PDB file of all heavy atoms in Angstrom:
ATOM      1  N   PHE A   1      -9.649 -18.007  24.456  1.00  0.00           N
ATOM      2  CA  PHE A   1      -8.334 -18.321  25.009  1.00  0.00           C
ATOM      3  C   PHE A   1      -7.293 -18.138  23.915  1.00  0.00           C
ATOM      4  O   PHE A   1      -7.434 -18.686  22.812  1.00  0.00           O
ATOM      5  CB  PHE A   1      -8.307 -19.756  25.532  1.00  0.00           C
ATOM      6  CG  PHE A   1      -9.257 -19.991  26.673  1.00  0.00           C
ATOM      7  CD1 PHE A   1     -10.477 -20.617  26.465  1.00  0.00           C
ATOM      8  CD2 PHE A   1      -8.927 -19.577  27.960  1.00  0.00           C
ATOM      9  CE1 PHE A   1     -11.356 -20.833  27.514  1.00  0.00           C
ATOM     10  CE2 PHE A   1      -9.810 -19.792  29.017  1.00  0.00           C
ATOM     11  CZ  PHE A   1     -11.023 -20.417  28.788  1.00  0.00           C
ATOM     12  N   GLY A   2      -6.231 -17.388  24.216  1.00  0.00           N
ATOM     13  CA  GLY A   2      -5.235 -17.079  23.199  1.00  0.00           C
ATOM     14  C   GLY A   2      -4.547 -18.301  22.628  1.00  0.00           C
ATOM     15  O   GLY A   2      -4.020 -18.271  21.514  1.00  0.00           O
ATOM     16  N   SER A   3      -4.556 -19.400  23.389  1.00  0.00           N
ATOM     17  CA  SER A   3      -3.909 -20.627  22.933  1.00  0.00           C
ATOM     18  C   SER A   3      -4.817 -21.503  22.089  1.00  0.00           C
ATOM     19  O   SER A   3      -4.360 -22.506  21.533  1.00  0.00           O
ATOM     20  CB  SER A   3      -3.443 -21.433  24.155  1.00  0.00           C
ATOM     21  OG  SER A   3      -4.546 -21.709  25.003  1.00  0.00           O
ATOM     22  N   ASN A   4      -6.095 -21.131  21.984  1.00  0.00           N
ATOM     23  CA  ASN A   4      -7.040 -21.963  21.229  1.00  0.00           C
ATOM     24  C   ASN A   4      -6.930 -21.617  19.744  1.00  0.00           C
ATOM     25  O   ASN A   4      -7.755 -20.906  19.176  1.00  0.00           O
ATOM     26  CB  ASN A   4      -8.462 -21.756  21.737  1.00  0.00           C
ATOM     27  CG  ASN A   4      -9.417 -22.836  21.257  1.00  0.00           C
ATOM     28  OD1 ASN A   4      -9.178 -23.476  20.229  1.00  0.00           O
ATOM     29  ND2 ASN A   4     -10.485 -23.038  21.991  1.00  0.00           N
ATOM     30  N   VAL A   5      -5.886 -22.139  19.130  1.00  0.00           N
ATOM     31  CA  VAL A   5      -5.575 -21.809  17.739  1.00  0.00           C
ATOM     32  C   VAL A   5      -6.710 -22.229  16.806  1.00  0.00           C
ATOM     33  O   VAL A   5      -7.025 -21.531  15.830  1.00  0.00           O
ATOM     34  CB  VAL A   5      -4.245 -22.471  17.332  1.00  0.00           C
ATOM     35  CG1 VAL A   5      -3.952 -22.251  15.862  1.00  0.00           C
ATOM     36  CG2 VAL A   5      -3.108 -21.927  18.194  1.00  0.00           C
ATOM     37  N   ALA A   6      -7.326 -23.365  17.090  1.00  0.00           N
ATOM     38  CA  ALA A   6      -8.439 -23.830  16.250  1.00  0.00           C
ATOM     39  C   ALA A   6      -9.594 -22.833  16.275  1.00  0.00           C
ATOM     40  O   ALA A   6     -10.191 -22.523  15.235  1.00  0.00           O
ATOM     41  CB  ALA A   6      -8.915 -25.199  16.724  1.00  0.00           C
ATOM     42  N   ARG A   7      -9.926 -22.299  17.465  1.00  0.00           N
ATOM     43  CA  ARG A   7     -11.020 -21.322  17.570  1.00  0.00           C
ATOM     44  C   ARG A   7     -10.671 -20.036  16.831  1.00  0.00           C
ATOM     45  O   ARG A   7     -11.519 -19.443  16.159  1.00  0.00           O
ATOM     46  CB  ARG A   7     -11.298 -21.028  19.053  1.00  0.00           C
ATOM     47  CG  ARG A   7     -12.494 -20.104  19.316  1.00  0.00           C
ATOM     48  CD  ARG A   7     -13.814 -20.784  19.010  1.00  0.00           C
ATOM     49  NE  ARG A   7     -13.839 -22.098  19.583  1.00  0.00           N
ATOM     50  CZ  ARG A   7     -14.032 -22.362  20.887  1.00  0.00           C
ATOM     51  NH1 ARG A   7     -14.270 -21.370  21.738  1.00  0.00           N
ATOM     52  NH2 ARG A   7     -14.040 -23.607  21.329  1.00  0.00           N
ATOM     53  N   LEU A   8      -9.424 -19.619  16.950  1.00  0.00           N
ATOM     54  CA  LEU A   8      -9.003 -18.405  16.251  1.00  0.00           C
ATOM     55  C   LEU A   8      -9.133 -18.588  14.742  1.00  0.00           C
ATOM     56  O   LEU A   8      -9.563 -17.675  14.028  1.00  0.00           O
ATOM     57  CB  LEU A   8      -7.561 -18.061  16.626  1.00  0.00           C
ATOM     58  CG  LEU A   8      -7.329 -17.677  18.093  1.00  0.00           C
ATOM     59  CD1 LEU A   8      -5.844 -17.506  18.365  1.00  0.00           C
ATOM     60  CD2 LEU A   8      -8.088 -16.403  18.444  1.00  0.00           C
ATOM     61  N   LYS A   9      -8.795 -19.781  14.254  1.00  0.00           N
ATOM     62  CA  LYS A   9      -8.929 -20.037  12.822  1.00  0.00           C
ATOM     63  C   LYS A   9     -10.393 -20.051  12.408  1.00  0.00           C
ATOM     64  O   LYS A   9     -10.761 -19.477  11.372  1.00  0.00           O
ATOM     65  CB  LYS A   9      -8.266 -21.370  12.460  1.00  0.00           C
ATOM     66  CG  LYS A   9      -8.278 -21.655  10.959  1.00  0.00           C
ATOM     67  CD  LYS A   9      -7.529 -22.924  10.613  1.00  0.00           C
ATOM     68  CE  LYS A   9      -7.515 -23.127   9.095  1.00  0.00           C
ATOM     69  NZ  LYS A   9      -6.806 -24.369   8.713  1.00  0.00           N
ATOM     70  N   THR A  10     -11.245 -20.672  13.211  1.00  0.00           N
ATOM     71  CA  THR A  10     -12.678 -20.699  12.892  1.00  0.00           C
ATOM     72  C   THR A  10     -13.256 -19.292  12.863  1.00  0.00           C
ATOM     73  O   THR A  10     -14.024 -18.933  11.950  1.00  0.00           O
ATOM     74  CB  THR A  10     -13.426 -21.553  13.937  1.00  0.00           C
ATOM     75  OG1 THR A  10     -12.908 -22.886  13.909  1.00  0.00           O
ATOM     76  CG2 THR A  10     -14.911 -21.593  13.646  1.00  0.00           C
ATOM     77  N   LEU A  11     -12.896 -18.475  13.846  1.00  0.00           N
ATOM     78  CA  LEU A  11     -13.380 -17.091  13.883  1.00  0.00           C
ATOM     79  C   LEU A  11     -12.859 -16.294  12.695  1.00  0.00           C
ATOM     80  O   LEU A  11     -13.607 -15.513  12.069  1.00  0.00           O
ATOM     81  CB  LEU A  11     -12.941 -16.427  15.193  1.00  0.00           C
ATOM     82  CG  LEU A  11     -13.680 -16.860  16.462  1.00  0.00           C
ATOM     83  CD1 LEU A  11     -12.903 -16.468  17.706  1.00  0.00           C
ATOM     84  CD2 LEU A  11     -15.091 -16.259  16.491  1.00  0.00           C
ATOM     85  N   ALA A  12     -11.594 -16.474  12.368  1.00  0.00           N
ATOM     86  CA  ALA A  12     -10.999 -15.726  11.255  1.00  0.00           C
ATOM     87  C   ALA A  12     -11.636 -16.113   9.932  1.00  0.00           C
ATOM     88  O   ALA A  12     -11.925 -15.244   9.084  1.00  0.00           O
ATOM     89  CB  ALA A  12      -9.495 -15.969  11.219  1.00  0.00           C
ATOM     90  N   GLU A  13     -11.888 -17.386   9.729  1.00  0.00           N
ATOM     91  CA  GLU A  13     -12.517 -17.822   8.474  1.00  0.00           C
ATOM     92  C   GLU A  13     -13.956 -17.325   8.382  1.00  0.00           C
ATOM     93  O   GLU A  13     -14.426 -16.959   7.294  1.00  0.00           O
ATOM     94  CB  GLU A  13     -12.460 -19.345   8.371  1.00  0.00           C
ATOM     95  CG  GLU A  13     -11.041 -19.869   8.125  1.00  0.00           C
ATOM     96  CD  GLU A  13     -10.956 -21.373   8.111  1.00  0.00           C
ATOM     97  OE1 GLU A  13     -11.910 -22.025   8.601  1.00  0.00           O
ATOM     98  OE2 GLU A  13      -9.939 -21.911   7.623  1.00  0.00           O
ATOM     99  N   ALA A  14     -14.648 -17.271   9.511  1.00  0.00           N
ATOM    100  CA  ALA A  14     -16.004 -16.718   9.518  1.00  0.00           C
ATOM    101  C   ALA A  14     -15.981 -15.224   9.200  1.00  0.00           C
ATOM    102  O   ALA A  14     -16.877 -14.707   8.518  1.00  0.00           O
ATOM    103  CB  ALA A  14     -16.655 -16.963  10.870  1.00  0.00           C
ATOM    104  N   ALA A  15     -14.951 -14.532   9.675  1.00  0.00           N
ATOM    105  CA  ALA A  15     -14.819 -13.105   9.382  1.00  0.00           C
ATOM    106  C   ALA A  15     -14.602 -12.871   7.897  1.00  0.00           C
ATOM    107  O   ALA A  15     -15.214 -11.967   7.296  1.00  0.00           O
ATOM    108  CB  ALA A  15     -13.656 -12.520  10.188  1.00  0.00           C
ATOM    109  N   VAL A  16     -13.737 -13.660   7.291  1.00  0.00           N
ATOM    110  CA  VAL A  16     -13.483 -13.517   5.849  1.00  0.00           C
ATOM    111  C   VAL A  16     -14.762 -13.759   5.059  1.00  0.00           C
ATOM    112  O   VAL A  16     -15.071 -13.033   4.098  1.00  0.00           O
ATOM    113  CB  VAL A  16     -12.372 -14.493   5.406  1.00  0.00           C
ATOM    114  CG1 VAL A  16     -12.251 -14.522   3.884  1.00  0.00           C
ATOM    115  CG2 VAL A  16     -11.040 -14.089   6.035  1.00  0.00           C
ATOM    116  N   ALA A  17     -15.539 -14.771   5.442  1.00  0.00           N
ATOM    117  CA  ALA A  17     -16.792 -15.066   4.750  1.00  0.00           C
ATOM    118  C   ALA A  17     -17.788 -13.920   4.875  1.00  0.00           C
ATOM    119  O   ALA A  17     -18.662 -13.745   4.009  1.00  0.00           O
ATOM    120  CB  ALA A  17     -17.402 -16.342   5.308  1.00  0.00           C
ATOM    121  N   ALA A  18     -17.660 -13.130   5.962  1.00  0.00           N
ATOM    122  CA  ALA A  18     -18.547 -11.985   6.172  1.00  0.00           C
ATOM    123  C   ALA A  18     -17.926 -10.692   5.654  1.00  0.00           C
ATOM    124  O   ALA A  18     -18.393  -9.600   6.001  1.00  0.00           O
ATOM    125  CB  ALA A  18     -18.874 -11.852   7.663  1.00  0.00           C
ATOM    126  N   ASP A  19     -16.873 -10.798   4.842  1.00  0.00           N
ATOM    127  CA  ASP A  19     -16.196  -9.642   4.242  1.00  0.00           C
ATOM    128  C   ASP A  19     -15.606  -8.716   5.314  1.00  0.00           C
ATOM    129  O   ASP A  19     -15.724  -7.502   5.234  1.00  0.00           O
ATOM    130  CB  ASP A  19     -17.160  -8.865   3.328  1.00  0.00           C
ATOM    131  CG  ASP A  19     -16.412  -7.871   2.431  1.00  0.00           C
ATOM    132  OD1 ASP A  19     -15.235  -8.147   2.109  1.00  0.00           O
ATOM    133  OD2 ASP A  19     -16.993  -6.830   2.078  1.00  0.00           O
ATOM    134  N   ARG A  20     -14.970  -9.331   6.312  1.00  0.00           N
ATOM    135  CA  ARG A  20     -14.334  -8.545   7.371  1.00  0.00           C
ATOM    136  C   ARG A  20     -12.825  -8.786   7.356  1.00  0.00           C
ATOM    137  O   ARG A  20     -12.359  -9.902   7.126  1.00  0.00           O
ATOM    138  CB  ARG A  20     -14.892  -8.911   8.749  1.00  0.00           C
ATOM    139  CG  ARG A  20     -16.334  -8.454   8.979  1.00  0.00           C
ATOM    140  CD  ARG A  20     -16.778  -8.813  10.390  1.00  0.00           C
ATOM    141  NE  ARG A  20     -18.161  -8.450  10.639  1.00  0.00           N
ATOM    142  CZ  ARG A  20     -18.561  -7.290  11.165  1.00  0.00           C
ATOM    143  NH1 ARG A  20     -17.662  -6.375  11.491  1.00  0.00           N
ATOM    144  NH2 ARG A  20     -19.836  -7.048  11.363  1.00  0.00           N
ATOM    145  N   THR A  21     -12.089  -7.704   7.599  1.00  0.00           N
ATOM    146  CA  THR A  21     -10.639  -7.778   7.759  1.00  0.00           C
ATOM    147  C   THR A  21     -10.317  -8.120   9.206  1.00  0.00           C
ATOM    148  O   THR A  21     -11.007  -7.684  10.133  1.00  0.00           O
ATOM    149  CB  THR A  21     -10.001  -6.426   7.376  1.00  0.00           C
ATOM    150  OG1 THR A  21     -10.299  -6.160   6.001  1.00  0.00           O
ATOM    151  CG2 THR A  21      -8.500  -6.448   7.589  1.00  0.00           C
ATOM    152  N   ILE A  22      -9.243  -8.874   9.425  1.00  0.00           N
ATOM    153  CA  ILE A  22      -8.928  -9.392  10.760  1.00  0.00           C
ATOM    154  C   ILE A  22      -7.719  -8.663  11.340  1.00  0.00           C
ATOM    155  O   ILE A  22      -6.708  -8.469  10.664  1.00  0.00           O
ATOM    156  CB  ILE A  22      -8.615 -10.896  10.697  1.00  0.00           C
ATOM    157  CG1 ILE A  22      -9.793 -11.648  10.076  1.00  0.00           C
ATOM    158  CG2 ILE A  22      -8.300 -11.455  12.076  1.00  0.00           C
ATOM    159  CD1 ILE A  22      -9.387 -12.881   9.337  1.00  0.00           C
ATOM    160  N   CYS A  23      -7.851  -8.286  12.597  1.00  0.00           N
ATOM    161  CA  CYS A  23      -6.745  -7.686  13.350  1.00  0.00           C
ATOM    162  C   CYS A  23      -6.647  -8.401  14.691  1.00  0.00           C
ATOM    163  O   CYS A  23      -7.668  -8.617  15.358  1.00  0.00           O
ATOM    164  CB  CYS A  23      -6.989  -6.193  13.555  1.00  0.00           C
ATOM    165  SG  CYS A  23      -5.762  -5.372  14.602  1.00  0.00           S
ATOM    166  N   VAL A  24      -5.442  -8.790  15.069  1.00  0.00           N
ATOM    167  CA  VAL A  24      -5.219  -9.505  16.327  1.00  0.00           C
ATOM    168  C   VAL A  24      -4.601  -8.553  17.344  1.00  0.00           C
ATOM    169  O   VAL A  24      -3.619  -7.863  17.054  1.00  0.00           O
ATOM    170  CB  VAL A  24      -4.295 -10.726  16.121  1.00  0.00           C
ATOM    171  CG1 VAL A  24      -4.013 -11.415  17.445  1.00  0.00           C
ATOM    172  CG2 VAL A  24      -4.924 -11.701  15.129  1.00  0.00           C
ATOM    173  N   MET A  25      -5.172  -8.528  18.545  1.00  0.00           N
ATOM    174  CA  MET A  25      -4.668  -7.696  19.635  1.00  0.00           C
ATOM    175  C   MET A  25      -4.334  -8.577  20.831  1.00  0.00           C
ATOM    176  O   MET A  25      -5.165  -9.361  21.281  1.00  0.00           O
ATOM    177  CB  MET A  25      -5.706  -6.657  20.068  1.00  0.00           C
ATOM    178  CG  MET A  25      -5.930  -5.524  19.111  1.00  0.00           C
ATOM    179  SD  MET A  25      -7.093  -4.351  19.848  1.00  0.00           S
ATOM    180  CE  MET A  25      -7.086  -3.062  18.604  1.00  0.00           C
ATOM    181  N   GLY A  26      -3.128  -8.435  21.346  1.00  0.00           N
ATOM    182  CA  GLY A  26      -2.732  -9.201  22.518  1.00  0.00           C
ATOM    183  C   GLY A  26      -1.487 -10.007  22.232  1.00  0.00           C
ATOM    184  O   GLY A  26      -1.446 -10.818  21.310  1.00  0.00           O
ATOM    185  N   ARG A  27      -0.462  -9.783  23.054  1.00  0.00           N
ATOM    186  CA  ARG A  27       0.840 -10.410  22.824  1.00  0.00           C
ATOM    187  C   ARG A  27       0.769 -11.928  22.856  1.00  0.00           C
ATOM    188  O   ARG A  27       1.356 -12.607  22.008  1.00  0.00           O
ATOM    189  CB  ARG A  27       1.825  -9.902  23.885  1.00  0.00           C
ATOM    190  CG  ARG A  27       3.210 -10.525  23.830  1.00  0.00           C
ATOM    191  CD  ARG A  27       4.142  -9.829  24.816  1.00  0.00           C
ATOM    192  NE  ARG A  27       5.414 -10.511  24.949  1.00  0.00           N
ATOM    193  CZ  ARG A  27       5.685 -11.423  25.878  1.00  0.00           C
ATOM    194  NH1 ARG A  27       4.741 -11.742  26.760  1.00  0.00           N
ATOM    195  NH2 ARG A  27       6.864 -12.005  25.944  1.00  0.00           N
ATOM    196  N   SER A  28       0.065 -12.483  23.837  1.00  0.00           N
ATOM    197  CA  SER A  28       0.037 -13.942  23.961  1.00  0.00           C
ATOM    198  C   SER A  28      -0.660 -14.600  22.784  1.00  0.00           C
ATOM    199  O   SER A  28      -0.234 -15.654  22.302  1.00  0.00           O
ATOM    200  CB  SER A  28      -0.646 -14.346  25.269  1.00  0.00           C
ATOM    201  OG  SER A  28      -1.991 -13.914  25.291  1.00  0.00           O
TER     202      SER A  28
END
């Protein structure tokens, strides 16, 4: 859900730990 800011942060931090760059798609 685009409004689930906590989930987005958890996913983004997991991506950084896995040496992945983050790109966000979707206006909302």
